[in-house]
Amino acid sequence: MALLQCTLAIKKKILPKVINVAKLNINNEIKKVEERLERAIQSTDQTLEEASFHLLSSGGKRVRPVFVILSSQFGTSEGTSEDTYRVAVALELIHMATLVHDDVIDKSDKRRGRPTISKKWDQTTAILTGNFLLALGLQHLSEIKDARVHSIISNSIVDVCRGELFQFQDQFNSEQNITNYLRRINRKTALLIQLATEVGAITSGASKKTIRKLKLIGHYIGMSFQIIDDVLDFTSSEKKLGKPVGSDLMNGHITLPVLLEMRKNKDFKQKITNLNAQSPQSDFDTCIQTIRKSDNIEESKAISEKYLNKAIALIEELEEGPNKNLFKKLIKKMGSRNK
């Protein structure tokens, strides 16, 4: 019954809002990735299937599959290879696993405007669903023969876990600095986007030089992407975010706009130092409003833009491909997004 209900829901579901994917000439490829994701989460266990579908059907930009597909177009293969699809699906499943585990760690009630798996079911179900999604991702890679793919992805998963640990250890730590922050977002977010561009290129038979460039492009995009996410946590609305404004700070995550203000304002730094998980909402609201009114928002955006410009400069060095200009347009749009 669960499988039938999910299948019917899938038929009605609108493709997730990948940023102007139709204009990237890869709409068919992303539809195939989406169909494979839907098939991948089908399970003989009703709870795991329903919990996984709950997250999958909540939307998402499918950024990682998009970059896998785009990067694969700078190789020697004609069309999109089966290995490219496998990687695109695997990285999205691994990303989904990190989201589920993130919500457990942060005790979050909402994700993309819907109850988290922890909230809708329970914490144990969420942890097991995250494990299930991670295992599915690795399973999708099992038929790929290129040892580089397995080595790069497995090593990166280890680093992502370390990034999660760094974030946990830095909760409500007012002594951290911008270097700590950049190290954390590199491991927590940029790595999976870097994986998408690097491994996407590998699966298409790209040259070593092209693979190196696309890897670095992915790193710069990922760093910019997370900084903008951290800005939007203060500047966007709960409706657009799908969670309360200032959620990062309320969960003890001290992000770039906060770090910039702490560096300039001793009184503000003391307020951050005094915060903890039991602090009244009014204390958080005061700090959130300080950031919203500050110039740290624009300063953070400028840092994000520097990363984007580095990515664009490297894209210019790539050989001409069918979506080279659209690749640049996509990352520019990511830098100016409002949700």
Protein backbone atom coordinates (compact mmCIF):
# COMPACT_ATOMS: atom_id res chain seq x y z
CA MET A 1 0.00 0.00 0.00
CA ALA A 2 2.83 2.42 0.90
CA LEU A 3 4.48 1.84 -2.48
CA LEU A 4 1.22 2.43 -4.35
CA GLN A 5 0.52 5.64 -2.41
CA CYS A 6 4.03 6.94 -3.06
CA THR A 7 3.78 6.09 -6.76
CA LEU A 8 0.48 7.95 -7.09
CA ALA A 9 1.95 10.92 -5.27
CA ILE A 10 4.96 10.89 -7.56
CA LYS A 11 2.70 11.08 -10.62
CA LYS A 12 1.20 14.29 -9.26
CA LYS A 13 4.46 15.76 -8.00
CA ILE A 14 6.00 18.74 -9.73
CA LEU A 15 9.69 18.48 -10.56
CA PRO A 16 11.73 20.21 -7.84
CA LYS A 17 12.74 23.81 -8.39
CA VAL A 18 16.20 23.41 -9.79
CA ILE A 19 17.29 26.93 -10.63
CA ASN A 20 15.89 27.50 -14.16
CA VAL A 21 16.76 23.93 -15.09
CA ALA A 22 14.70 24.12 -18.27
CA LYS A 23 17.00 26.86 -19.55
CA LEU A 24 20.06 24.68 -18.98
CA ASN A 25 19.14 22.21 -21.74
CA ILE A 26 19.38 19.37 -19.21
CA ASN A 27 15.73 19.15 -18.22
CA ASN A 28 15.42 15.61 -19.59
CA GLU A 29 18.49 14.48 -17.67
CA ILE A 30 17.18 15.93 -14.40
CA LYS A 31 13.81 14.26 -14.96
CA LYS A 32 15.63 10.95 -15.33
CA VAL A 33 17.56 11.61 -12.11
CA GLU A 34 14.29 12.39 -10.34
CA GLU A 35 12.69 9.18 -11.59
CA ARG A 36 15.69 7.18 -10.39
CA LEU A 37 15.56 8.84 -6.98
CA GLU A 38 11.91 7.90 -6.68
CA ARG A 39 12.68 4.29 -7.58
CA ALA A 40 15.73 4.18 -5.31
CA ILE A 41 13.80 4.89 -2.12
CA GLN A 42 11.23 2.17 -2.73
CA SER A 43 11.66 -0.37 0.04
CA THR A 44 10.03 -3.45 1.50
CA ASP A 45 10.04 -1.52 4.76
CA GLN A 46 7.05 0.83 4.77
CA THR A 47 8.44 3.24 7.37
CA LEU A 48 11.78 3.76 5.64
CA GLU A 49 10.07 4.28 2.30
CA GLU A 50 7.50 6.73 3.64
CA ALA A 51 10.05 8.70 5.65
CA SER A 52 12.42 8.92 2.66
CA PHE A 53 9.60 9.95 0.34
CA HIS A 54 8.51 12.58 2.89
CA LEU A 55 11.86 14.32 2.42
CA LEU A 56 12.22 13.68 -1.32
CA SER A 57 8.76 15.07 -2.08
CA SER A 58 9.36 18.23 -0.04
CA GLY A 59 11.29 19.74 -2.93
CA GLY A 60 14.87 20.91 -3.03
CA LYS A 61 16.94 22.45 -5.79
CA ARG A 62 18.77 19.25 -6.85
CA VAL A 63 21.90 21.37 -7.08
CA ARG A 64 24.29 18.42 -6.88
CA PRO A 65 22.72 16.40 -9.73
CA VAL A 66 22.63 19.55 -11.87
CA PHE A 67 26.36 20.08 -11.41
CA VAL A 68 27.12 16.42 -12.06
CA ILE A 69 25.25 16.64 -15.38
CA LEU A 70 26.75 20.01 -16.36
CA SER A 71 30.31 18.94 -15.52
CA SER A 72 29.92 15.72 -17.49
CA GLN A 73 29.52 17.79 -20.65
CA PHE A 74 33.20 18.79 -20.58
CA GLY A 75 34.39 15.23 -21.19
CA THR A 76 34.77 13.04 -24.25
CA SER A 77 31.62 10.94 -23.83
CA GLU A 78 28.69 11.57 -26.12
CA GLY A 79 25.47 12.09 -24.22
CA THR A 80 25.02 11.40 -20.52
CA SER A 81 26.57 8.10 -19.45
CA GLU A 82 25.01 5.58 -17.09
CA ASP A 83 27.82 6.24 -14.61
CA THR A 84 27.00 9.95 -14.67
CA TYR A 85 23.39 9.20 -13.74
CA ARG A 86 24.55 6.83 -10.98
CA VAL A 87 26.74 9.54 -9.47
CA ALA A 88 24.00 12.20 -9.75
CA VAL A 89 21.52 9.99 -7.90
CA ALA A 90 24.08 8.82 -5.35
CA LEU A 91 25.18 12.32 -4.38
CA GLU A 92 21.60 13.50 -3.93
CA LEU A 93 20.83 10.50 -1.71
CA ILE A 94 23.97 11.16 0.34
CA HIS A 95 23.00 14.83 0.60
CA MET A 96 19.52 13.83 1.78
CA ALA A 97 21.10 11.60 4.43
CA THR A 98 23.10 14.55 5.77
CA LEU A 99 19.94 16.68 5.94
CA VAL A 100 18.13 14.04 8.00
CA HIS A 101 21.05 13.68 10.40
CA ASP A 102 21.42 17.48 10.57
CA ASP A 103 17.83 17.78 11.72
CA VAL A 104 18.42 15.18 14.43
CA ILE A 105 21.54 16.98 15.70
CA ASP A 106 19.80 20.39 15.64
CA LYS A 107 16.52 19.00 17.03
CA SER A 108 14.80 20.82 14.14
CA ASP A 109 11.03 20.64 13.75
CA LYS A 110 10.80 21.94 10.18
CA ARG A 111 12.62 21.31 6.91
CA ARG A 112 11.49 23.01 3.69
CA GLY A 113 8.30 24.12 5.41
CA ARG A 114 7.30 20.60 6.48
CA PRO A 115 7.79 18.61 9.69
CA THR A 116 11.18 16.92 9.84
CA ILE A 117 11.32 13.13 9.97
CA SER A 118 12.20 13.39 13.67
CA LYS A 119 9.07 15.48 14.25
CA LYS A 120 6.69 13.46 12.06
CA TRP A 121 7.99 10.07 13.24
CA ASP A 122 10.70 10.05 15.92
CA GLN A 123 14.44 10.47 16.36
CA THR A 124 15.25 6.78 15.95
CA THR A 125 13.34 6.61 12.66
CA ALA A 126 15.17 9.71 11.45
CA ILE A 127 18.61 8.28 12.26
CA LEU A 128 17.78 5.00 10.54
CA THR A 129 16.32 6.81 7.52
CA GLY A 130 19.51 8.82 7.20
CA ASN A 131 21.54 5.61 7.37
CA PHE A 132 19.21 4.04 4.78
CA LEU A 133 19.67 6.96 2.36
CA LEU A 134 23.44 6.91 2.80
CA ALA A 135 23.52 3.16 2.11
CA LEU A 136 21.35 3.63 -0.98
CA GLY A 137 23.75 6.27 -2.25
CA LEU A 138 26.72 3.94 -1.88
CA GLN A 139 24.73 1.11 -3.45
CA HIS A 140 24.17 3.27 -6.54
CA LEU A 141 27.92 3.61 -6.95
CA SER A 142 28.64 -0.12 -6.72
CA GLU A 143 28.47 -0.76 -10.47
CA ILE A 144 30.93 2.01 -11.34
CA LYS A 145 34.28 0.46 -12.27
CA ASP A 146 36.47 3.56 -12.04
CA ALA A 147 38.28 3.26 -8.68
CA ARG A 148 38.79 7.03 -8.54
CA VAL A 149 35.06 7.56 -8.05
CA HIS A 150 34.91 5.24 -5.05
CA SER A 151 38.06 6.65 -3.46
CA ILE A 152 37.06 10.30 -3.89
CA ILE A 153 33.50 9.84 -2.64
CA SER A 154 34.37 7.63 0.35
CA ASN A 155 37.13 10.00 1.48
CA SER A 156 34.77 12.95 1.09
CA ILE A 157 32.04 11.29 3.18
CA VAL A 158 34.60 10.93 5.98
CA ASP A 159 35.37 14.65 5.70
CA VAL A 160 31.67 15.57 5.68
CA CYS A 161 31.28 13.65 8.95
CA ARG A 162 34.23 15.57 10.37
CA GLY A 163 32.56 18.81 9.26
CA GLU A 164 29.41 17.82 11.13
CA LEU A 165 31.50 17.12 14.23
CA PHE A 166 33.26 20.49 13.95
CA GLN A 167 29.87 22.19 13.71
CA PHE A 168 28.62 20.32 16.77
CA GLN A 169 31.77 21.18 18.75
CA ASP A 170 31.50 24.84 17.75
CA GLN A 171 27.89 25.25 18.91
CA PHE A 172 27.56 28.43 20.99
CA ASN A 173 31.35 28.82 20.87
CA SER A 174 31.99 32.55 20.68
CA GLU A 175 35.77 32.04 20.51
CA GLN A 176 35.67 30.58 17.01
CA ASN A 177 36.87 32.72 14.10
CA ILE A 178 36.27 33.08 10.38
CA THR A 179 38.95 30.49 9.60
CA ASN A 180 37.04 27.95 11.74
CA TYR A 181 33.85 28.86 9.89
CA LEU A 182 35.37 28.49 6.42
CA ARG A 183 36.91 25.14 7.34
CA ARG A 184 33.54 23.96 8.61
CA ILE A 185 31.48 24.99 5.59
CA ASN A 186 34.09 23.53 3.27
CA ARG A 187 33.67 20.10 4.83
CA LYS A 188 29.95 20.37 5.51
CA THR A 189 28.66 21.85 2.23
CA ALA A 190 31.31 22.68 -0.35
CA LEU A 191 32.67 19.13 -0.45
CA LEU A 192 29.49 17.59 -1.89
CA ILE A 193 29.25 20.24 -4.61
CA GLN A 194 32.97 19.81 -5.32
CA LEU A 195 32.29 16.07 -5.59
CA ALA A 196 29.51 16.74 -8.10
CA THR A 197 31.72 18.73 -10.46
CA GLU A 198 34.81 16.54 -10.05
CA VAL A 199 33.17 13.13 -10.34
CA GLY A 200 30.78 14.34 -13.04
CA ALA A 201 33.85 15.16 -15.12
CA ILE A 202 35.48 11.80 -14.34
CA THR A 203 32.44 9.83 -15.51
CA SER A 204 32.54 11.56 -18.89
CA GLY A 205 36.20 10.83 -19.64
CA ALA A 206 37.40 14.40 -19.11
CA SER A 207 41.14 15.13 -19.08
CA LYS A 208 43.03 15.37 -15.78
CA LYS A 209 43.44 19.11 -16.30
CA THR A 210 39.70 19.59 -16.84
CA ILE A 211 38.87 17.43 -13.81
CA ARG A 212 41.17 19.53 -11.61
CA LYS A 213 39.56 22.75 -12.81
CA LEU A 214 36.02 21.45 -12.32
CA LYS A 215 36.91 20.22 -8.84
CA LEU A 216 38.08 23.70 -7.88
CA ILE A 217 35.04 25.27 -9.55
CA GLY A 218 32.82 23.06 -7.39
CA HIS A 219 34.71 24.09 -4.26
CA TYR A 220 34.24 27.79 -4.99
CA ILE A 221 30.56 27.32 -5.85
CA GLY A 222 29.99 25.33 -2.65
CA MET A 223 31.64 27.94 -0.44
CA SER A 224 29.59 30.72 -2.04
CA PHE A 225 26.40 28.65 -1.82
CA GLN A 226 26.75 28.09 1.93
CA ILE A 227 27.62 31.72 2.69
CA ILE A 228 24.47 32.84 0.85
CA ASP A 229 22.47 30.23 2.79
CA ASP A 230 23.82 31.71 6.02
CA VAL A 231 22.91 35.22 4.89
CA LEU A 232 19.38 34.15 3.94
CA ASP A 233 18.91 32.66 7.40
CA PHE A 234 18.79 36.28 8.59
CA THR A 235 17.34 38.16 5.61
CA SER A 236 14.67 35.86 4.19
CA SER A 237 11.25 34.98 5.60
CA GLU A 238 10.04 31.88 7.40
CA LYS A 239 7.76 31.14 4.45
CA LYS A 240 10.64 31.13 1.99
CA LEU A 241 13.11 29.40 4.30
CA GLY A 242 10.69 26.73 5.47
CA LYS A 243 12.01 27.29 9.01
CA PRO A 244 12.16 30.21 11.48
CA VAL A 245 14.38 33.17 10.61
CA GLY A 246 17.62 32.97 12.60
CA SER A 247 17.41 29.20 13.06
CA ASP A 248 21.18 28.82 12.69
CA LEU A 249 21.90 31.12 15.61
CA MET A 250 19.15 29.56 17.71
CA ASN A 251 20.82 26.19 17.11
CA GLY A 252 24.15 27.63 18.22
CA HIS A 253 25.68 27.86 14.74
CA ILE A 254 27.72 31.04 14.54
CA THR A 255 27.88 31.95 10.86
CA LEU A 256 29.74 34.56 8.82
CA PRO A 257 27.40 37.57 9.38
CA VAL A 258 27.60 36.97 13.14
CA LEU A 259 31.38 36.50 13.13
CA LEU A 260 31.84 39.75 11.22
CA GLU A 261 29.73 41.66 13.75
CA MET A 262 31.54 40.02 16.68
CA ARG A 263 34.84 41.23 15.26
CA LYS A 264 33.61 44.84 15.22
CA ASN A 265 31.32 45.02 18.24
CA LYS A 266 32.48 43.91 21.71
CA ASP A 267 29.03 44.36 23.23
CA PHE A 268 27.52 42.13 20.57
CA LYS A 269 30.22 39.52 21.09
CA GLN A 270 29.37 39.44 24.79
CA LYS A 271 25.71 38.88 23.94
CA ILE A 272 26.70 35.94 21.72
CA THR A 273 28.96 34.61 24.49
CA ASN A 274 26.00 34.68 26.89
CA LEU A 275 23.75 32.68 24.56
CA ASN A 276 23.08 29.00 25.13
CA ALA A 277 20.39 26.47 24.23
CA GLN A 278 18.29 27.58 27.22
CA SER A 279 18.47 31.33 26.50
CA PRO A 280 15.11 33.12 26.18
CA GLN A 281 13.87 33.79 22.65
CA SER A 282 14.13 37.53 23.29
CA ASP A 283 17.93 37.25 23.62
CA PHE A 284 18.16 35.52 20.25
CA ASP A 285 15.77 38.03 18.67
CA THR A 286 17.95 40.94 19.81
CA CYS A 287 21.02 39.42 18.17
CA ILE A 288 19.10 38.50 15.01
CA GLN A 289 17.80 42.05 14.62
CA THR A 290 21.31 43.45 15.09
CA ILE A 291 22.54 41.34 12.19
CA ARG A 292 19.55 42.14 9.98
CA LYS A 293 20.24 45.87 10.38
CA SER A 294 24.02 45.63 9.99
CA ASP A 295 26.33 45.99 7.00
CA ASN A 296 27.57 42.45 7.64
CA ILE A 297 24.91 41.11 5.30
CA GLU A 298 26.39 42.98 2.34
CA GLU A 299 29.92 42.18 3.49
CA SER A 300 29.06 38.47 3.58
CA LYS A 301 27.50 38.68 0.12
CA ALA A 302 30.69 40.31 -1.15
CA ILE A 303 32.77 37.42 0.20
CA SER A 304 30.36 34.97 -1.44
CA GLU A 305 30.70 36.85 -4.72
CA LYS A 306 34.51 36.58 -4.58
CA TYR A 307 34.17 32.80 -4.52
CA LEU A 308 31.70 32.93 -7.42
CA ASN A 309 34.02 35.13 -9.46
CA LYS A 310 36.85 32.63 -8.95
CA ALA A 311 34.55 29.87 -10.20
CA ILE A 312 33.51 31.91 -13.24
CA ALA A 313 37.14 32.69 -14.10
CA LEU A 314 37.95 28.97 -14.10
CA ILE A 315 34.88 28.16 -16.21
CA GLU A 316 36.23 30.63 -18.80
CA GLU A 317 39.36 28.45 -19.02
CA LEU A 318 37.38 25.31 -19.87
CA GLU A 319 37.02 24.14 -23.45
CA GLU A 320 33.86 25.22 -25.17
CA GLY A 321 30.87 23.04 -24.33
CA PRO A 322 27.13 23.14 -25.03
CA ASN A 323 26.34 24.64 -21.63
CA LYS A 324 29.44 26.65 -20.76
CA ASN A 325 27.68 30.02 -20.76
CA LEU A 326 24.65 28.59 -19.03
CA PHE A 327 26.94 27.09 -16.37
CA LYS A 328 28.09 30.64 -15.60
CA LYS A 329 24.54 31.99 -15.60
CA LEU A 330 23.45 29.30 -13.17
CA ILE A 331 26.07 30.05 -10.56
CA LYS A 332 25.43 33.79 -10.89
CA LYS A 333 21.76 33.15 -10.22
CA MET A 334 22.65 31.01 -7.21
CA GLY A 335 24.56 33.98 -5.82
CA SER A 336 21.52 36.25 -6.11
CA ARG A 337 18.86 33.81 -4.93
CA ASN A 338 16.46 34.74 -2.11
CA LYS A 339 15.62 31.28 -0.76
